[in-house]
Amino acid sequence: MFSAKYRRVVFDEQVDEVLREICLDIEKRYEVKFVEIGVDKDHVHFLVQSVPTYSVTSW
């Protein structure tokens, strides 16, 4: 979850649309998939799927 600065109400339909477009561009550039994007008036929820880059046994 990512909240807006000071939890201000900033996410409207126009901002929601631009945010989704940006997330789709990020998917194209990186090995990441935005499974769900949920926007409320003062915060955003992301469910992200990614390919792990480090093996658990390498720690």
PDB file of N, CA and C in Angstrom:
ATOM      1  N   MET A   1       0.834  -1.169   0.000  1.00  0.00           N
ATOM      2  CA  MET A   1       0.000   0.000   0.000  1.00  0.00           C
ATOM      3  C   MET A   1       0.886   1.242   0.000  1.00  0.00           C
ATOM      4  N   PHE A   2       0.548   2.194  -0.792  1.00  0.00           N
ATOM      5  CA  PHE A   2       1.249   3.466  -0.850  1.00  0.00           C
ATOM      6  C   PHE A   2       0.234   4.570  -0.594  1.00  0.00           C
ATOM      7  N   SER A   3       0.518   5.397   0.374  1.00  0.00           N
ATOM      8  CA  SER A   3      -0.408   6.490   0.671  1.00  0.00           C
ATOM      9  C   SER A   3       0.125   7.791   0.090  1.00  0.00           C
ATOM     10  N   ALA A   4      -0.797   8.697  -0.177  1.00  0.00           N
ATOM     11  CA  ALA A   4      -0.406  10.023  -0.656  1.00  0.00           C
ATOM     12  C   ALA A   4       0.229  10.799   0.497  1.00  0.00           C
ATOM     13  N   LYS A   5       1.041  11.767   0.168  1.00  0.00           N
ATOM     14  CA  LYS A   5       1.697  12.556   1.208  1.00  0.00           C
ATOM     15  C   LYS A   5       0.637  13.203   2.096  1.00  0.00           C
ATOM     16  N   TYR A   6       0.810  13.024   3.386  1.00  0.00           N
ATOM     17  CA  TYR A   6      -0.112  13.535   4.402  1.00  0.00           C
ATOM     18  C   TYR A   6      -1.526  12.978   4.238  1.00  0.00           C
ATOM     19  N   ARG A   7      -1.649  11.842   3.539  1.00  0.00           N
ATOM     20  CA  ARG A   7      -2.935  11.170   3.299  1.00  0.00           C
ATOM     21  C   ARG A   7      -3.970  12.117   2.696  1.00  0.00           C
ATOM     22  N   ARG A   8      -3.518  12.994   1.813  1.00  0.00           N
ATOM     23  CA  ARG A   8      -4.439  13.917   1.145  1.00  0.00           C
ATOM     24  C   ARG A   8      -5.229  13.188   0.062  1.00  0.00           C
ATOM     25  N   VAL A   9      -6.409  13.677  -0.222  1.00  0.00           N
ATOM     26  CA  VAL A   9      -7.251  13.103  -1.271  1.00  0.00           C
ATOM     27  C   VAL A   9      -6.753  13.646  -2.606  1.00  0.00           C
ATOM     28  N   VAL A  10      -6.027  12.809  -3.353  1.00  0.00           N
ATOM     29  CA  VAL A  10      -5.459  13.251  -4.627  1.00  0.00           C
ATOM     30  C   VAL A  10      -5.783  12.309  -5.775  1.00  0.00           C
ATOM     31  N   PHE A  11      -6.268  11.120  -5.482  1.00  0.00           N
ATOM     32  CA  PHE A  11      -6.502  10.138  -6.543  1.00  0.00           C
ATOM     33  C   PHE A  11      -7.939  10.243  -7.034  1.00  0.00           C
ATOM     34  N   ASP A  12      -8.087  10.749  -8.259  1.00  0.00           N
ATOM     35  CA  ASP A  12      -9.385  10.782  -8.910  1.00  0.00           C
ATOM     36  C   ASP A  12      -9.303   9.888 -10.148  1.00  0.00           C
ATOM     37  N   GLU A  13     -10.316   9.907 -10.996  1.00  0.00           N
ATOM     38  CA  GLU A  13     -10.341   9.030 -12.169  1.00  0.00           C
ATOM     39  C   GLU A  13      -9.204   9.326 -13.138  1.00  0.00           C
ATOM     40  N   GLN A  14      -8.868  10.591 -13.314  1.00  0.00           N
ATOM     41  CA  GLN A  14      -7.794  10.966 -14.239  1.00  0.00           C
ATOM     42  C   GLN A  14      -6.440  10.477 -13.720  1.00  0.00           C
ATOM     43  N   VAL A  15      -6.177  10.660 -12.446  1.00  0.00           N
ATOM     44  CA  VAL A  15      -4.926  10.201 -11.846  1.00  0.00           C
ATOM     45  C   VAL A  15      -4.871   8.673 -11.868  1.00  0.00           C
ATOM     46  N   ASP A  16      -5.992   8.022 -11.626  1.00  0.00           N
ATOM     47  CA  ASP A  16      -6.073   6.565 -11.664  1.00  0.00           C
ATOM     48  C   ASP A  16      -5.684   6.045 -13.044  1.00  0.00           C
ATOM     49  N   GLU A  17      -6.190   6.671 -14.085  1.00  0.00           N
ATOM     50  CA  GLU A  17      -5.885   6.253 -15.454  1.00  0.00           C
ATOM     51  C   GLU A  17      -4.393   6.426 -15.774  1.00  0.00           C
ATOM     52  N   VAL A  18      -3.819   7.547 -15.396  1.00  0.00           N
ATOM     53  CA  VAL A  18      -2.395   7.800 -15.649  1.00  0.00           C
ATOM     54  C   VAL A  18      -1.532   6.818 -14.857  1.00  0.00           C
ATOM     55  N   LEU A  19      -1.910   6.545 -13.618  1.00  0.00           N
ATOM     56  CA  LEU A  19      -1.169   5.598 -12.784  1.00  0.00           C
ATOM     57  C   LEU A  19      -1.167   4.207 -13.405  1.00  0.00           C
ATOM     58  N   ARG A  20      -2.294   3.765 -13.915  1.00  0.00           N
ATOM     59  CA  ARG A  20      -2.376   2.455 -14.555  1.00  0.00           C
ATOM     60  C   ARG A  20      -1.513   2.407 -15.821  1.00  0.00           C
ATOM     61  N   GLU A  21      -1.490   3.473 -16.601  1.00  0.00           N
ATOM     62  CA  GLU A  21      -0.641   3.530 -17.798  1.00  0.00           C
ATOM     63  C   GLU A  21       0.836   3.439 -17.423  1.00  0.00           C
ATOM     64  N   ILE A  22       1.226   4.116 -16.368  1.00  0.00           N
ATOM     65  CA  ILE A  22       2.615   4.070 -15.898  1.00  0.00           C
ATOM     66  C   ILE A  22       2.966   2.655 -15.457  1.00  0.00           C
ATOM     67  N   CYS A  23       2.055   2.006 -14.753  1.00  0.00           N
ATOM     68  CA  CYS A  23       2.312   0.631 -14.310  1.00  0.00           C
ATOM     69  C   CYS A  23       2.468  -0.310 -15.501  1.00  0.00           C
ATOM     70  N   LEU A  24       1.684  -0.128 -16.554  1.00  0.00           N
ATOM     71  CA  LEU A  24       1.823  -0.955 -17.749  1.00  0.00           C
ATOM     72  C   LEU A  24       3.162  -0.713 -18.434  1.00  0.00           C
ATOM     73  N   ASP A  25       3.639   0.518 -18.433  1.00  0.00           N
ATOM     74  CA  ASP A  25       4.961   0.812 -18.986  1.00  0.00           C
ATOM     75  C   ASP A  25       6.062   0.155 -18.157  1.00  0.00           C
ATOM     76  N   ILE A  26       5.905   0.139 -16.855  1.00  0.00           N
ATOM     77  CA  ILE A  26       6.891  -0.511 -15.976  1.00  0.00           C
ATOM     78  C   ILE A  26       6.922  -2.006 -16.259  1.00  0.00           C
ATOM     79  N   GLU A  27       5.747  -2.615 -16.496  1.00  0.00           N
ATOM     80  CA  GLU A  27       5.697  -4.038 -16.820  1.00  0.00           C
ATOM     81  C   GLU A  27       6.504  -4.362 -18.069  1.00  0.00           C
ATOM     82  N   LYS A  28       6.457  -3.485 -19.049  1.00  0.00           N
ATOM     83  CA  LYS A  28       7.176  -3.714 -20.303  1.00  0.00           C
ATOM     84  C   LYS A  28       8.688  -3.654 -20.113  1.00  0.00           C
ATOM     85  N   ARG A  29       9.154  -2.802 -19.207  1.00  0.00           N
ATOM     86  CA  ARG A  29      10.590  -2.597 -19.032  1.00  0.00           C
ATOM     87  C   ARG A  29      11.242  -3.568 -18.056  1.00  0.00           C
ATOM     88  N   TYR A  30      10.483  -4.074 -17.106  1.00  0.00           N
ATOM     89  CA  TYR A  30      11.045  -4.917 -16.056  1.00  0.00           C
ATOM     90  C   TYR A  30      10.281  -6.231 -15.979  1.00  0.00           C
ATOM     91  N   GLU A  31      10.850  -7.218 -15.329  1.00  0.00           N
ATOM     92  CA  GLU A  31      10.194  -8.510 -15.145  1.00  0.00           C
ATOM     93  C   GLU A  31       9.257  -8.428 -13.949  1.00  0.00           C
ATOM     94  N   VAL A  32       8.202  -7.668 -14.119  1.00  0.00           N
ATOM     95  CA  VAL A  32       7.234  -7.465 -13.050  1.00  0.00           C
ATOM     96  C   VAL A  32       5.837  -7.419 -13.676  1.00  0.00           C
ATOM     97  N   LYS A  33       4.852  -7.929 -12.944  1.00  0.00           N
ATOM     98  CA  LYS A  33       3.471  -7.937 -13.403  1.00  0.00           C
ATOM     99  C   LYS A  33       2.592  -7.359 -12.311  1.00  0.00           C
ATOM    100  N   PHE A  34       1.839  -6.328 -12.639  1.00  0.00           N
ATOM    101  CA  PHE A  34       0.867  -5.762 -11.704  1.00  0.00           C
ATOM    102  C   PHE A  34      -0.416  -6.574 -11.827  1.00  0.00           C
ATOM    103  N   VAL A  35      -0.652  -7.441 -10.857  1.00  0.00           N
ATOM    104  CA  VAL A  35      -1.815  -8.320 -10.885  1.00  0.00           C
ATOM    105  C   VAL A  35      -3.074  -7.534 -10.558  1.00  0.00           C
ATOM    106  N   GLU A  36      -2.999  -6.693  -9.544  1.00  0.00           N
ATOM    107  CA  GLU A  36      -4.136  -5.860  -9.132  1.00  0.00           C
ATOM    108  C   GLU A  36      -3.632  -4.468  -8.775  1.00  0.00           C
ATOM    109  N   ILE A  37      -4.410  -3.462  -9.153  1.00  0.00           N
ATOM    110  CA  ILE A  37      -4.137  -2.079  -8.758  1.00  0.00           C
ATOM    111  C   ILE A  37      -5.455  -1.530  -8.217  1.00  0.00           C
ATOM    112  N   GLY A  38      -5.471  -1.208  -6.937  1.00  0.00           N
ATOM    113  CA  GLY A  38      -6.669  -0.671  -6.319  1.00  0.00           C
ATOM    114  C   GLY A  38      -6.419   0.745  -5.841  1.00  0.00           C
ATOM    115  N   VAL A  39      -7.227   1.670  -6.322  1.00  0.00           N
ATOM    116  CA  VAL A  39      -7.030   3.083  -5.990  1.00  0.00           C
ATOM    117  C   VAL A  39      -8.176   3.559  -5.110  1.00  0.00           C
ATOM    118  N   ASP A  40      -7.824   4.183  -3.991  1.00  0.00           N
ATOM    119  CA  ASP A  40      -8.800   4.842  -3.142  1.00  0.00           C
ATOM    120  C   ASP A  40      -8.493   6.337  -3.211  1.00  0.00           C
ATOM    121  N   LYS A  41      -9.190   7.153  -2.482  1.00  0.00           N
ATOM    122  CA  LYS A  41      -8.999   8.609  -2.586  1.00  0.00           C
ATOM    123  C   LYS A  41      -7.654   9.077  -2.063  1.00  0.00           C
ATOM    124  N   ASP A  42      -7.096   8.354  -1.066  1.00  0.00           N
ATOM    125  CA  ASP A  42      -5.843   8.827  -0.487  1.00  0.00           C
ATOM    126  C   ASP A  42      -4.742   7.766  -0.442  1.00  0.00           C
ATOM    127  N   HIS A  43      -4.960   6.609  -1.083  1.00  0.00           N
ATOM    128  CA  HIS A  43      -3.913   5.594  -1.136  1.00  0.00           C
ATOM    129  C   HIS A  43      -4.151   4.624  -2.290  1.00  0.00           C
ATOM    130  N   VAL A  44      -3.108   3.845  -2.605  1.00  0.00           N
ATOM    131  CA  VAL A  44      -3.155   2.884  -3.702  1.00  0.00           C
ATOM    132  C   VAL A  44      -2.658   1.540  -3.181  1.00  0.00           C
ATOM    133  N   HIS A  45      -3.321   0.461  -3.591  1.00  0.00           N
ATOM    134  CA  HIS A  45      -2.874  -0.892  -3.273  1.00  0.00           C
ATOM    135  C   HIS A  45      -2.348  -1.528  -4.553  1.00  0.00           C
ATOM    136  N   PHE A  46      -1.175  -2.176  -4.451  1.00  0.00           N
ATOM    137  CA  PHE A  46      -0.599  -2.898  -5.574  1.00  0.00           C
ATOM    138  C   PHE A  46      -0.423  -4.353  -5.174  1.00  0.00           C
ATOM    139  N   LEU A  47      -0.820  -5.275  -6.040  1.00  0.00           N
ATOM    140  CA  LEU A  47      -0.466  -6.678  -5.916  1.00  0.00           C
ATOM    141  C   LEU A  47       0.460  -6.949  -7.090  1.00  0.00           C
ATOM    142  N   VAL A  48       1.733  -7.186  -6.778  1.00  0.00           N
ATOM    143  CA  VAL A  48       2.764  -7.267  -7.806  1.00  0.00           C
ATOM    144  C   VAL A  48       3.370  -8.657  -7.814  1.00  0.00           C
ATOM    145  N   GLN A  49       3.576  -9.187  -9.019  1.00  0.00           N
ATOM    146  CA  GLN A  49       4.237 -10.471  -9.190  1.00  0.00           C
ATOM    147  C   GLN A  49       5.552 -10.223  -9.901  1.00  0.00           C
ATOM    148  N   SER A  50       6.606 -10.866  -9.404  1.00  0.00           N
ATOM    149  CA  SER A  50       7.934 -10.611  -9.943  1.00  0.00           C
ATOM    150  C   SER A  50       8.747 -11.892  -9.953  1.00  0.00           C
ATOM    151  N   VAL A  51       9.793 -11.903 -10.768  1.00  0.00           N
ATOM    152  CA  VAL A  51      10.728 -13.016 -10.806  1.00  0.00           C
ATOM    153  C   VAL A  51      11.826 -12.727  -9.782  1.00  0.00           C
ATOM    154  N   PRO A  52      12.070 -13.651  -8.851  1.00  0.00           N
ATOM    155  CA  PRO A  52      13.120 -13.400  -7.860  1.00  0.00           C
ATOM    156  C   PRO A  52      14.494 -13.338  -8.527  1.00  0.00           C
ATOM    157  N   THR A  53      15.318 -12.429  -8.063  1.00  0.00           N
ATOM    158  CA  THR A  53      16.653 -12.284  -8.643  1.00  0.00           C
ATOM    159  C   THR A  53      17.733 -12.908  -7.786  1.00  0.00           C
ATOM    160  N   TYR A  54      17.421 -13.240  -6.545  1.00  0.00           N
ATOM    161  CA  TYR A  54      18.382 -13.853  -5.640  1.00  0.00           C
ATOM    162  C   TYR A  54      17.855 -15.200  -5.159  1.00  0.00           C
ATOM    163  N   SER A  55      18.719 -16.148  -5.087  1.00  0.00           N
ATOM    164  CA  SER A  55      18.365 -17.446  -4.553  1.00  0.00           C
ATOM    165  C   SER A  55      18.335 -17.385  -3.035  1.00  0.00           C
ATOM    166  N   VAL A  56      17.421 -18.109  -2.422  1.00  0.00           N
ATOM    167  CA  VAL A  56      17.335 -18.127  -0.973  1.00  0.00           C
ATOM    168  C   VAL A  56      18.599 -18.736  -0.373  1.00  0.00           C
ATOM    169  N   THR A  57      19.190 -19.702  -1.060  1.00  0.00           N
ATOM    170  CA  THR A  57      20.385 -20.371  -0.542  1.00  0.00           C
ATOM    171  C   THR A  57      21.645 -19.511  -0.650  1.00  0.00           C
ATOM    172  N   SER A  58      21.602 -18.429  -1.390  1.00  0.00           N
ATOM    173  CA  SER A  58      22.786 -17.580  -1.523  1.00  0.00           C
ATOM    174  C   SER A  58      22.971 -16.620  -0.350  1.00  0.00           C
ATOM    175  N   TRP A  59      22.004 -16.555   0.560  1.00  0.00           N
ATOM    176  CA  TRP A  59      22.120 -15.666   1.714  1.00  0.00           C
ATOM    177  C   TRP A  59      22.963 -16.288   2.718  1.00  0.00           C
TER     178      TRP A  59
END
